């Protein structure tokens, strides 16, 4: 195996997210030159681009996780088998619920990674804990599809504390249907 292929294999193994792999492959292609399609990095970019296009098409047409898995196996496996490092790409094919890339996860934690620079200025461990708690509450609200502002207002009114039981705290959680209904009512009333 030549050094370019060895580097490519290391990159693919280390960065199994297809979007990350693609970024590193783009960086590996010499700039200001015509593309040399014999280069492993260029070949990798072309394979990944083709997989992304297939994945978009398949997701639009698939209505269930099983149909997504079946379509992936039918349409994407032949492309993957044409790529020299096939074992590295197969994990997402095993279950239709698996994402082709982890871009959604990365986008969800982006505010956290930006915020962590701000947390360097927390003066005390208690201040850092309070910041982390608020961040967690906000992200839980987003993940459960509730309005963050109304949810935080709701929590401030209810004043949860550490002396409450798990059952009492569960009644205030953003996934609780009663909480969702109350927040929906508040949003409808605020629009009037």
N, C-alpha and C. Protein backbone atom coordinates (compact mmCIF):
# COMPACT_ATOMS: atom_id res chain seq x y z
N UNK A 1 0.86 -1.18 0.00
CA UNK A 1 0.00 0.00 0.00
C UNK A 1 0.89 1.23 0.00
N UNK A 2 0.64 2.21 -0.92
CA UNK A 2 1.48 3.40 -0.93
C UNK A 2 1.07 4.34 0.19
N UNK A 3 1.86 5.38 0.42
CA UNK A 3 1.63 6.26 1.58
C UNK A 3 0.32 7.03 1.45
N UNK A 4 -0.06 7.39 0.23
CA UNK A 4 -1.33 8.12 0.05
C UNK A 4 -2.50 7.23 0.46
N UNK A 5 -2.48 5.97 0.05
CA UNK A 5 -3.55 5.06 0.45
C UNK A 5 -3.53 4.81 1.95
N UNK A 6 -2.33 4.70 2.52
CA UNK A 6 -2.22 4.50 3.97
C UNK A 6 -2.81 5.68 4.73
N UNK A 7 -2.52 6.89 4.27
CA UNK A 7 -3.07 8.09 4.90
C UNK A 7 -4.58 8.10 4.75
N UNK A 8 -5.07 7.78 3.56
CA UNK A 8 -6.51 7.76 3.32
C UNK A 8 -7.19 6.76 4.24
N UNK A 9 -6.61 5.57 4.37
CA UNK A 9 -7.20 4.55 5.23
C UNK A 9 -7.23 5.02 6.69
N UNK A 10 -6.16 5.69 7.14
CA UNK A 10 -6.11 6.19 8.52
C UNK A 10 -7.20 7.25 8.72
N UNK A 11 -7.34 8.16 7.75
CA UNK A 11 -8.37 9.20 7.87
C UNK A 11 -9.75 8.57 7.93
N UNK A 12 -10.02 7.61 7.06
CA UNK A 12 -11.33 6.98 7.03
C UNK A 12 -11.62 6.24 8.33
N UNK A 13 -10.62 5.59 8.87
CA UNK A 13 -10.82 4.85 10.12
C UNK A 13 -11.05 5.80 11.28
N UNK A 14 -10.27 6.86 11.34
CA UNK A 14 -10.35 7.79 12.47
C UNK A 14 -11.63 8.63 12.41
N UNK A 15 -12.06 9.02 11.24
CA UNK A 15 -13.18 9.94 11.10
C UNK A 15 -14.29 9.26 10.30
N UNK A 16 -15.05 8.41 10.97
CA UNK A 16 -16.07 7.64 10.26
C UNK A 16 -17.27 8.46 9.84
N UNK A 17 -17.42 9.67 10.33
CA UNK A 17 -18.49 10.53 9.85
C UNK A 17 -18.17 10.90 8.41
N UNK A 18 -19.12 10.65 7.53
CA UNK A 18 -18.87 10.87 6.11
C UNK A 18 -18.57 12.34 5.80
N UNK A 19 -19.21 13.27 6.49
CA UNK A 19 -18.95 14.69 6.26
C UNK A 19 -17.53 15.04 6.69
N UNK A 20 -17.08 14.48 7.81
CA UNK A 20 -15.71 14.72 8.25
C UNK A 20 -14.72 14.11 7.27
N UNK A 21 -15.00 12.91 6.85
CA UNK A 21 -14.11 12.23 5.90
C UNK A 21 -13.96 13.10 4.66
N UNK A 22 -15.09 13.60 4.17
CA UNK A 22 -15.05 14.41 2.95
C UNK A 22 -14.20 15.66 3.14
N UNK A 23 -14.35 16.34 4.29
CA UNK A 23 -13.54 17.54 4.54
C UNK A 23 -12.05 17.24 4.51
N UNK A 24 -11.66 16.14 5.15
CA UNK A 24 -10.25 15.78 5.18
C UNK A 24 -9.75 15.37 3.79
N UNK A 25 -10.59 14.74 3.02
CA UNK A 25 -10.19 14.37 1.66
C UNK A 25 -10.02 15.62 0.80
N UNK A 26 -10.92 16.59 0.94
CA UNK A 26 -10.80 17.84 0.20
C UNK A 26 -9.48 18.52 0.55
N UNK A 27 -9.14 18.51 1.83
CA UNK A 27 -7.86 19.12 2.26
C UNK A 27 -6.66 18.38 1.67
N UNK A 28 -6.82 17.08 1.40
CA UNK A 28 -5.71 16.28 0.88
C UNK A 28 -5.49 16.48 -0.62
N UNK A 29 -6.43 17.08 -1.32
CA UNK A 29 -6.29 17.30 -2.76
C UNK A 29 -5.45 18.56 -2.96
N UNK A 30 -4.39 18.46 -3.79
CA UNK A 30 -3.55 19.65 -4.04
C UNK A 30 -4.38 20.78 -4.63
N UNK A 31 -4.16 21.98 -4.15
CA UNK A 31 -4.91 23.15 -4.59
C UNK A 31 -4.30 23.71 -5.89
N UNK A 32 -5.13 24.41 -6.63
CA UNK A 32 -4.76 25.10 -7.86
C UNK A 32 -4.23 24.16 -8.95
N UNK A 33 -4.69 22.94 -8.93
CA UNK A 33 -4.31 22.00 -9.98
C UNK A 33 -5.57 21.33 -10.50
N UNK A 34 -5.46 20.80 -11.71
CA UNK A 34 -6.57 20.00 -12.22
C UNK A 34 -6.71 18.75 -11.38
N UNK A 35 -7.93 18.31 -11.20
CA UNK A 35 -8.16 17.10 -10.40
C UNK A 35 -7.55 15.89 -11.08
N UNK A 36 -6.79 15.16 -10.33
CA UNK A 36 -6.22 13.90 -10.81
C UNK A 36 -7.09 12.79 -10.25
N UNK A 37 -7.94 12.22 -11.12
CA UNK A 37 -8.91 11.24 -10.67
C UNK A 37 -8.28 9.92 -10.23
N UNK A 38 -6.98 9.79 -10.41
CA UNK A 38 -6.31 8.59 -9.91
C UNK A 38 -5.90 8.75 -8.45
N UNK A 39 -5.96 9.96 -7.93
CA UNK A 39 -5.60 10.19 -6.52
C UNK A 39 -6.67 9.59 -5.60
N UNK A 40 -6.26 8.89 -4.56
CA UNK A 40 -7.23 8.30 -3.62
C UNK A 40 -8.15 9.34 -2.98
N UNK A 41 -7.63 10.53 -2.68
CA UNK A 41 -8.47 11.56 -2.05
C UNK A 41 -9.59 11.99 -2.98
N UNK A 42 -9.28 12.18 -4.26
CA UNK A 42 -10.30 12.60 -5.23
C UNK A 42 -11.34 11.48 -5.40
N UNK A 43 -10.87 10.24 -5.49
CA UNK A 43 -11.79 9.11 -5.59
C UNK A 43 -12.71 9.05 -4.37
N UNK A 44 -12.14 9.27 -3.19
CA UNK A 44 -12.94 9.25 -1.97
C UNK A 44 -14.01 10.32 -1.97
N UNK A 45 -13.67 11.52 -2.42
CA UNK A 45 -14.65 12.61 -2.50
C UNK A 45 -15.80 12.23 -3.43
N UNK A 46 -15.45 11.66 -4.58
CA UNK A 46 -16.49 11.27 -5.54
C UNK A 46 -17.41 10.19 -4.97
N UNK A 47 -16.84 9.21 -4.26
CA UNK A 47 -17.67 8.17 -3.64
C UNK A 47 -18.60 8.76 -2.58
N UNK A 48 -18.06 9.60 -1.75
CA UNK A 48 -18.87 10.17 -0.66
C UNK A 48 -19.96 11.08 -1.23
N UNK A 49 -19.63 11.89 -2.22
CA UNK A 49 -20.65 12.74 -2.85
C UNK A 49 -21.77 11.90 -3.43
N UNK A 50 -21.40 10.81 -4.08
CA UNK A 50 -22.42 9.93 -4.66
C UNK A 50 -23.30 9.33 -3.56
N UNK A 51 -22.68 8.92 -2.44
CA UNK A 51 -23.46 8.36 -1.33
C UNK A 51 -24.39 9.41 -0.72
N UNK A 52 -23.93 10.64 -0.58
CA UNK A 52 -24.79 11.70 -0.04
C UNK A 52 -26.00 11.93 -0.97
N UNK A 53 -25.77 11.95 -2.27
CA UNK A 53 -26.88 12.14 -3.21
C UNK A 53 -27.87 10.98 -3.13
N UNK A 54 -27.35 9.75 -3.09
CA UNK A 54 -28.23 8.59 -2.96
C UNK A 54 -29.02 8.65 -1.66
N UNK A 55 -28.36 9.01 -0.57
CA UNK A 55 -29.03 9.07 0.73
C UNK A 55 -30.17 10.09 0.71
N UNK A 56 -29.94 11.25 0.09
CA UNK A 56 -31.01 12.25 -0.01
C UNK A 56 -32.21 11.70 -0.77
N UNK A 57 -31.96 11.06 -1.88
CA UNK A 57 -33.04 10.49 -2.70
C UNK A 57 -33.79 9.40 -1.93
N UNK A 58 -33.06 8.54 -1.28
CA UNK A 58 -33.66 7.43 -0.54
C UNK A 58 -34.51 7.94 0.62
N UNK A 59 -34.02 8.94 1.34
CA UNK A 59 -34.77 9.46 2.50
C UNK A 59 -36.09 10.08 2.08
N UNK A 60 -36.11 10.73 0.94
CA UNK A 60 -37.35 11.34 0.46
C UNK A 60 -38.39 10.27 0.16
N UNK A 61 -37.95 9.15 -0.40
CA UNK A 61 -38.88 8.10 -0.82
C UNK A 61 -39.23 7.11 0.28
N UNK A 62 -38.43 7.02 1.33
CA UNK A 62 -38.65 6.01 2.38
C UNK A 62 -39.57 6.55 3.45
N UNK A 63 -40.58 5.76 3.80
CA UNK A 63 -41.54 6.18 4.82
C UNK A 63 -41.32 5.50 6.17
N UNK A 64 -40.55 4.43 6.19
CA UNK A 64 -40.28 3.73 7.45
C UNK A 64 -38.78 3.45 7.53
N UNK A 65 -38.33 3.12 8.74
CA UNK A 65 -36.92 2.78 8.92
C UNK A 65 -36.57 1.51 8.16
N UNK A 66 -37.51 0.56 8.11
CA UNK A 66 -37.25 -0.68 7.37
C UNK A 66 -37.11 -0.42 5.87
N UNK A 67 -37.96 0.46 5.33
CA UNK A 67 -37.84 0.76 3.90
C UNK A 67 -36.56 1.53 3.61
N UNK A 68 -36.13 2.37 4.56
CA UNK A 68 -34.87 3.09 4.42
C UNK A 68 -33.70 2.11 4.39
N UNK A 69 -33.71 1.16 5.31
CA UNK A 69 -32.64 0.15 5.35
C UNK A 69 -32.62 -0.65 4.05
N UNK A 70 -33.78 -1.09 3.60
CA UNK A 70 -33.87 -1.90 2.39
C UNK A 70 -33.35 -1.11 1.17
N UNK A 71 -33.75 0.15 1.06
CA UNK A 71 -33.30 0.98 -0.07
C UNK A 71 -31.80 1.23 0.00
N UNK A 72 -31.28 1.45 1.20
CA UNK A 72 -29.83 1.63 1.35
C UNK A 72 -29.08 0.38 0.88
N UNK A 73 -29.56 -0.76 1.32
CA UNK A 73 -28.89 -2.01 0.94
C UNK A 73 -28.93 -2.22 -0.57
N UNK A 74 -30.04 -1.84 -1.18
CA UNK A 74 -30.20 -2.03 -2.62
C UNK A 74 -29.39 -1.02 -3.43
N UNK A 75 -29.43 0.25 -3.03
CA UNK A 75 -28.83 1.32 -3.85
C UNK A 75 -27.41 1.70 -3.44
N UNK A 76 -27.12 1.70 -2.13
CA UNK A 76 -25.84 2.22 -1.67
C UNK A 76 -24.76 1.16 -1.55
N UNK A 77 -25.13 -0.07 -1.26
CA UNK A 77 -24.12 -1.12 -1.12
C UNK A 77 -23.26 -1.26 -2.38
N UNK A 78 -23.85 -1.24 -3.60
CA UNK A 78 -22.99 -1.34 -4.78
C UNK A 78 -21.96 -0.20 -4.87
N UNK A 79 -22.34 0.99 -4.44
CA UNK A 79 -21.40 2.12 -4.46
C UNK A 79 -20.30 1.88 -3.42
N UNK A 80 -20.70 1.47 -2.23
CA UNK A 80 -19.74 1.23 -1.15
C UNK A 80 -18.77 0.12 -1.55
N UNK A 81 -19.27 -0.92 -2.19
CA UNK A 81 -18.40 -2.03 -2.58
C UNK A 81 -17.39 -1.61 -3.65
N UNK A 82 -17.68 -0.53 -4.37
CA UNK A 82 -16.73 -0.02 -5.35
C UNK A 82 -15.61 0.79 -4.72
N UNK A 83 -15.77 1.11 -3.47
CA UNK A 83 -14.76 1.89 -2.75
C UNK A 83 -13.81 0.94 -2.05
N UNK A 84 -12.50 1.22 -2.07
CA UNK A 84 -11.53 0.25 -1.52
C UNK A 84 -11.64 -0.01 -0.01
N UNK A 85 -12.29 0.86 0.72
CA UNK A 85 -12.33 0.73 2.18
C UNK A 85 -13.74 0.44 2.65
N UNK A 86 -14.35 -0.58 2.10
CA UNK A 86 -15.78 -0.83 2.29
C UNK A 86 -16.17 -1.13 3.73
N UNK A 87 -15.33 -1.79 4.50
CA UNK A 87 -15.74 -2.17 5.86
C UNK A 87 -15.95 -0.95 6.74
N UNK A 88 -15.34 0.17 6.39
CA UNK A 88 -15.45 1.36 7.22
C UNK A 88 -16.78 2.09 7.04
N UNK A 89 -17.47 1.82 5.95
CA UNK A 89 -18.70 2.55 5.65
C UNK A 89 -19.97 1.80 6.00
N UNK A 90 -19.90 0.60 6.45
CA UNK A 90 -21.08 -0.26 6.53
C UNK A 90 -21.94 -0.09 7.78
N UNK A 91 -21.48 0.53 8.82
CA UNK A 91 -22.22 0.53 10.08
C UNK A 91 -23.61 1.14 9.96
N UNK A 92 -23.78 2.19 9.19
CA UNK A 92 -25.10 2.84 9.09
C UNK A 92 -26.10 2.00 8.30
N UNK A 93 -25.62 0.99 7.57
CA UNK A 93 -26.51 0.14 6.77
C UNK A 93 -27.27 -0.87 7.63
N UNK A 94 -26.78 -1.12 8.84
CA UNK A 94 -27.35 -2.17 9.68
C UNK A 94 -28.73 -1.83 10.24
N UNK A 95 -29.05 -0.55 10.33
CA UNK A 95 -30.31 -0.14 10.95
C UNK A 95 -30.79 1.14 10.27
N UNK A 96 -32.03 1.16 9.82
CA UNK A 96 -32.58 2.33 9.14
C UNK A 96 -32.67 3.56 10.03
N UNK A 97 -32.61 3.37 11.34
CA UNK A 97 -32.66 4.51 12.25
C UNK A 97 -31.32 5.23 12.35
N UNK A 98 -30.25 4.56 11.91
CA UNK A 98 -28.92 5.18 11.95
C UNK A 98 -28.83 6.25 10.88
N UNK A 99 -28.16 7.32 11.23
CA UNK A 99 -27.98 8.41 10.29
C UNK A 99 -26.76 8.16 9.42
N UNK A 100 -26.82 8.62 8.19
CA UNK A 100 -25.70 8.48 7.27
C UNK A 100 -24.51 9.28 7.77
N UNK A 101 -24.77 10.46 8.32
CA UNK A 101 -23.70 11.26 8.92
C UNK A 101 -24.21 11.76 10.26
N UNK A 102 -23.32 12.28 11.07
CA UNK A 102 -23.76 12.78 12.36
C UNK A 102 -23.87 14.31 12.36
N UNK A 103 -24.16 14.88 11.20
CA UNK A 103 -24.28 16.34 11.10
C UNK A 103 -25.37 16.90 12.03
N UNK A 104 -26.50 16.18 12.16
CA UNK A 104 -27.57 16.67 13.05
C UNK A 104 -27.08 16.75 14.49
N UNK A 105 -26.37 15.73 14.92
CA UNK A 105 -25.83 15.73 16.29
C UNK A 105 -24.84 16.86 16.48
N UNK A 106 -23.99 17.05 15.51
CA UNK A 106 -23.00 18.12 15.62
C UNK A 106 -23.66 19.48 15.65
N UNK A 107 -24.70 19.66 14.84
CA UNK A 107 -25.41 20.94 14.86
C UNK A 107 -26.10 21.17 16.20
N UNK A 108 -26.56 20.10 16.82
CA UNK A 108 -27.24 20.24 18.12
C UNK A 108 -26.27 20.66 19.21
N UNK A 109 -25.01 20.22 19.13
CA UNK A 109 -24.07 20.58 20.20
C UNK A 109 -23.25 21.83 19.89
N UNK A 110 -23.43 22.39 18.69
CA UNK A 110 -22.66 23.58 18.33
C UNK A 110 -22.83 24.71 19.35
N UNK A 111 -24.06 25.03 19.80
CA UNK A 111 -24.19 26.09 20.81
C UNK A 111 -23.40 25.77 22.08
N UNK A 112 -23.35 24.50 22.42
CA UNK A 112 -22.59 24.10 23.61
C UNK A 112 -21.11 24.37 23.42
N UNK A 113 -20.58 24.03 22.25
CA UNK A 113 -19.15 24.22 22.03
C UNK A 113 -18.81 25.70 21.95
N UNK A 114 -19.71 26.51 21.42
CA UNK A 114 -19.49 27.95 21.41
C UNK A 114 -19.58 28.48 22.83
N UNK A 115 -20.57 27.99 23.58
CA UNK A 115 -20.78 28.45 24.96
C UNK A 115 -19.66 28.09 25.90
N UNK A 116 -18.96 27.01 25.64
CA UNK A 116 -17.92 26.58 26.58
C UNK A 116 -16.81 27.61 26.71
N UNK A 117 -16.57 28.40 25.65
CA UNK A 117 -15.59 29.47 25.77
C UNK A 117 -16.08 30.52 26.77
N UNK A 118 -17.38 30.78 26.77
CA UNK A 118 -17.93 31.73 27.73
C UNK A 118 -17.84 31.19 29.15
N UNK A 119 -17.92 29.88 29.28
CA UNK A 119 -17.90 29.29 30.62
C UNK A 119 -16.53 29.36 31.26
N UNK A 120 -15.53 29.67 30.48
CA UNK A 120 -14.20 29.86 31.07
C UNK A 120 -14.22 31.00 32.09
N UNK A 121 -15.21 31.86 31.94
CA UNK A 121 -15.28 33.03 32.81
C UNK A 121 -16.21 32.83 34.01
N UNK A 122 -16.70 31.62 34.21
CA UNK A 122 -17.46 31.32 35.42
C UNK A 122 -16.50 31.41 36.60
N UNK A 123 -16.84 32.24 37.56
CA UNK A 123 -15.91 32.50 38.67
C UNK A 123 -15.84 31.36 39.68
N UNK A 124 -16.91 30.59 39.78
CA UNK A 124 -16.93 29.55 40.82
C UNK A 124 -17.48 28.25 40.24
N UNK A 125 -17.22 27.13 40.90
CA UNK A 125 -17.83 25.88 40.46
C UNK A 125 -19.36 25.94 40.49
N UNK A 126 -19.92 26.64 41.45
CA UNK A 126 -21.38 26.78 41.51
C UNK A 126 -21.91 27.55 40.30
N UNK A 127 -21.17 28.56 39.88
CA UNK A 127 -21.57 29.33 38.70
C UNK A 127 -21.51 28.47 37.45
N UNK A 128 -20.47 27.65 37.35
CA UNK A 128 -20.36 26.74 36.21
C UNK A 128 -21.49 25.71 36.23
N UNK A 129 -21.82 25.20 37.40
CA UNK A 129 -22.92 24.23 37.53
C UNK A 129 -24.25 24.87 37.13
N UNK A 130 -24.46 26.11 37.55
CA UNK A 130 -25.70 26.81 37.19
C UNK A 130 -25.79 27.01 35.68
N UNK A 131 -24.67 27.40 35.04
CA UNK A 131 -24.66 27.57 33.59
C UNK A 131 -24.96 26.25 32.88
N UNK A 132 -24.36 25.17 33.34
CA UNK A 132 -24.59 23.86 32.73
C UNK A 132 -26.04 23.42 32.91
N UNK A 133 -26.62 23.72 34.06
CA UNK A 133 -28.01 23.36 34.33
C UNK A 133 -28.95 24.10 33.39
N UNK A 134 -28.74 25.39 33.24
CA UNK A 134 -29.59 26.19 32.35
C UNK A 134 -29.44 25.70 30.91
N UNK A 135 -28.21 25.44 30.50
CA UNK A 135 -27.99 24.94 29.14
C UNK A 135 -28.73 23.63 28.93
N UNK A 136 -28.65 22.74 29.89
CA UNK A 136 -29.33 21.44 29.79
C UNK A 136 -30.83 21.62 29.67
N UNK A 137 -31.39 22.50 30.47
CA UNK A 137 -32.84 22.76 30.43
C UNK A 137 -33.25 23.29 29.05
N UNK A 138 -32.47 24.23 28.53
CA UNK A 138 -32.77 24.81 27.22
C UNK A 138 -32.71 23.74 26.13
N UNK A 139 -31.66 22.93 26.14
CA UNK A 139 -31.52 21.90 25.10
C UNK A 139 -32.60 20.81 25.23
N UNK A 140 -32.99 20.49 26.46
CA UNK A 140 -34.08 19.51 26.64
C UNK A 140 -35.38 20.07 26.08
N UNK A 141 -35.62 21.35 26.30
CA UNK A 141 -36.84 21.97 25.76
C UNK A 141 -36.83 21.92 24.24
N UNK A 142 -35.69 22.26 23.63
CA UNK A 142 -35.58 22.21 22.17
C UNK A 142 -35.80 20.79 21.65
N UNK A 143 -35.16 19.83 22.31
CA UNK A 143 -35.25 18.44 21.86
C UNK A 143 -36.67 17.90 21.94
N UNK A 144 -37.47 18.46 22.85
CA UNK A 144 -38.84 18.00 23.01
C UNK A 144 -39.85 18.89 22.29
N UNK A 145 -39.35 19.82 21.50
CA UNK A 145 -40.21 20.65 20.65
C UNK A 145 -41.06 21.65 21.39
N UNK A 146 -40.61 22.11 22.55
CA UNK A 146 -41.38 23.12 23.27
C UNK A 146 -40.68 24.48 23.15
N UNK A 147 -41.46 25.53 23.26
CA UNK A 147 -40.94 26.89 23.18
C UNK A 147 -40.06 27.15 24.40
N UNK A 148 -38.81 27.49 24.17
CA UNK A 148 -37.83 27.64 25.26
C UNK A 148 -38.23 28.78 26.20
N UNK A 149 -38.61 29.92 25.65
CA UNK A 149 -38.98 31.06 26.49
C UNK A 149 -40.15 30.71 27.42
N UNK A 150 -41.19 30.15 26.84
CA UNK A 150 -42.37 29.80 27.65
C UNK A 150 -42.05 28.70 28.66
N UNK A 151 -41.19 27.77 28.27
CA UNK A 151 -40.81 26.70 29.21
C UNK A 151 -40.01 27.25 30.38
N UNK A 152 -39.05 28.14 30.10
CA UNK A 152 -38.27 28.73 31.20
C UNK A 152 -39.17 29.57 32.11
N UNK A 153 -40.12 30.31 31.52
CA UNK A 153 -41.07 31.09 32.32
C UNK A 153 -41.90 30.16 33.21
N UNK A 154 -42.35 29.07 32.63
CA UNK A 154 -43.13 28.06 33.36
C UNK A 154 -42.32 27.52 34.54
N UNK A 155 -41.08 27.16 34.30
CA UNK A 155 -40.23 26.63 35.38
C UNK A 155 -39.98 27.67 36.48
N UNK A 156 -39.79 28.91 36.09
CA UNK A 156 -39.57 29.95 37.10
C UNK A 156 -40.81 30.13 37.97
N UNK A 157 -41.99 29.97 37.37
CA UNK A 157 -43.22 30.06 38.14
C UNK A 157 -43.36 28.88 39.10
N UNK A 158 -43.00 27.69 38.65
CA UNK A 158 -43.15 26.47 39.46
C UNK A 158 -42.04 26.30 40.48
N UNK A 159 -40.90 26.93 40.25
CA UNK A 159 -39.76 26.91 41.15
C UNK A 159 -39.35 25.51 41.60
N UNK A 160 -38.92 24.67 40.65
CA UNK A 160 -38.46 23.32 41.05
C UNK A 160 -37.22 23.43 41.92
N UNK A 161 -37.06 22.46 42.82
CA UNK A 161 -35.90 22.48 43.70
C UNK A 161 -35.47 21.06 44.03
N UNK A 162 -34.34 20.93 44.71
CA UNK A 162 -33.78 19.61 44.96
C UNK A 162 -34.51 18.84 46.06
N UNK A 163 -35.48 19.46 46.70
CA UNK A 163 -36.26 18.71 47.70
C UNK A 163 -37.48 18.01 47.08
N UNK A 164 -37.72 18.26 45.79
CA UNK A 164 -38.86 17.63 45.10
C UNK A 164 -38.51 16.19 44.76
N UNK A 165 -39.54 15.35 44.73
CA UNK A 165 -39.34 13.94 44.38
C UNK A 165 -39.16 13.83 42.85
N UNK A 166 -38.70 12.68 42.41
CA UNK A 166 -38.54 12.45 40.97
C UNK A 166 -39.88 12.56 40.26
N UNK A 167 -40.93 12.09 40.90
CA UNK A 167 -42.26 12.17 40.28
C UNK A 167 -42.70 13.63 40.12
N UNK A 168 -42.42 14.45 41.13
CA UNK A 168 -42.78 15.87 41.03
C UNK A 168 -41.98 16.56 39.94
N UNK A 169 -40.70 16.24 39.84
CA UNK A 169 -39.87 16.84 38.80
C UNK A 169 -40.31 16.36 37.42
N UNK A 170 -40.72 15.11 37.33
CA UNK A 170 -41.18 14.58 36.05
C UNK A 170 -42.42 15.34 35.56
N UNK A 171 -43.23 15.83 36.48
CA UNK A 171 -44.41 16.61 36.11
C UNK A 171 -44.04 17.96 35.49
N UNK A 172 -42.77 18.37 35.67
CA UNK A 172 -42.31 19.65 35.12
C UNK A 172 -41.41 19.47 33.89
N UNK A 173 -41.15 18.23 33.52
CA UNK A 173 -40.23 17.95 32.41
C UNK A 173 -40.83 18.34 31.07
N UNK A 174 -40.01 18.74 30.11
CA UNK A 174 -40.53 19.20 28.82
C UNK A 174 -41.17 18.09 27.99
N UNK A 175 -40.97 16.85 28.32
CA UNK A 175 -41.61 15.75 27.59
C UNK A 175 -42.97 15.39 28.18
N UNK A 176 -43.31 15.97 29.32
CA UNK A 176 -44.59 15.71 29.96
C UNK A 176 -45.71 16.33 29.11
N UNK A 177 -46.71 15.52 28.78
CA UNK A 177 -47.78 15.99 27.90
C UNK A 177 -48.58 17.14 28.52
N UNK A 178 -48.75 17.14 29.86
CA UNK A 178 -49.46 18.24 30.51
C UNK A 178 -48.68 19.55 30.37
N UNK A 179 -47.37 19.47 30.49
CA UNK A 179 -46.52 20.65 30.32
C UNK A 179 -46.63 21.15 28.88
N UNK A 180 -46.55 20.24 27.92
CA UNK A 180 -46.66 20.63 26.51
C UNK A 180 -47.99 21.31 26.23
N UNK A 181 -49.06 20.77 26.80
CA UNK A 181 -50.39 21.36 26.59
C UNK A 181 -50.45 22.76 27.20
N UNK A 182 -49.90 22.92 28.40
CA UNK A 182 -49.89 24.23 29.06
C UNK A 182 -49.08 25.24 28.25
N UNK A 183 -47.94 24.84 27.75
CA UNK A 183 -47.11 25.75 26.96
C UNK A 183 -47.80 26.11 25.64
N UNK A 184 -48.48 25.15 25.04
CA UNK A 184 -49.23 25.43 23.82
C UNK A 184 -50.33 26.45 24.10
N UNK A 185 -51.02 26.28 25.23
CA UNK A 185 -52.07 27.23 25.61
C UNK A 185 -51.48 28.63 25.79
N UNK A 186 -50.34 28.71 26.44
CA UNK A 186 -49.70 30.01 26.67
C UNK A 186 -49.29 30.68 25.35
N UNK A 187 -48.78 29.90 24.44
CA UNK A 187 -48.38 30.45 23.14
C UNK A 187 -49.60 30.97 22.40
N UNK A 188 -50.69 30.20 22.41
CA UNK A 188 -51.92 30.64 21.73
C UNK A 188 -52.46 31.91 22.36
N UNK A 189 -52.41 32.01 23.69
CA UNK A 189 -52.89 33.21 24.37
C UNK A 189 -52.00 34.42 24.13
N UNK A 190 -50.71 34.17 23.97
CA UNK A 190 -49.79 35.30 23.77
C UNK A 190 -49.91 35.87 22.37
N UNK A 191 -50.45 35.09 21.42
CA UNK A 191 -50.62 35.58 20.06
C UNK A 191 -51.85 36.48 19.93
N UNK A 192 -52.71 36.44 20.91
CA UNK A 192 -53.96 37.23 20.82
C UNK A 192 -53.75 38.68 21.10
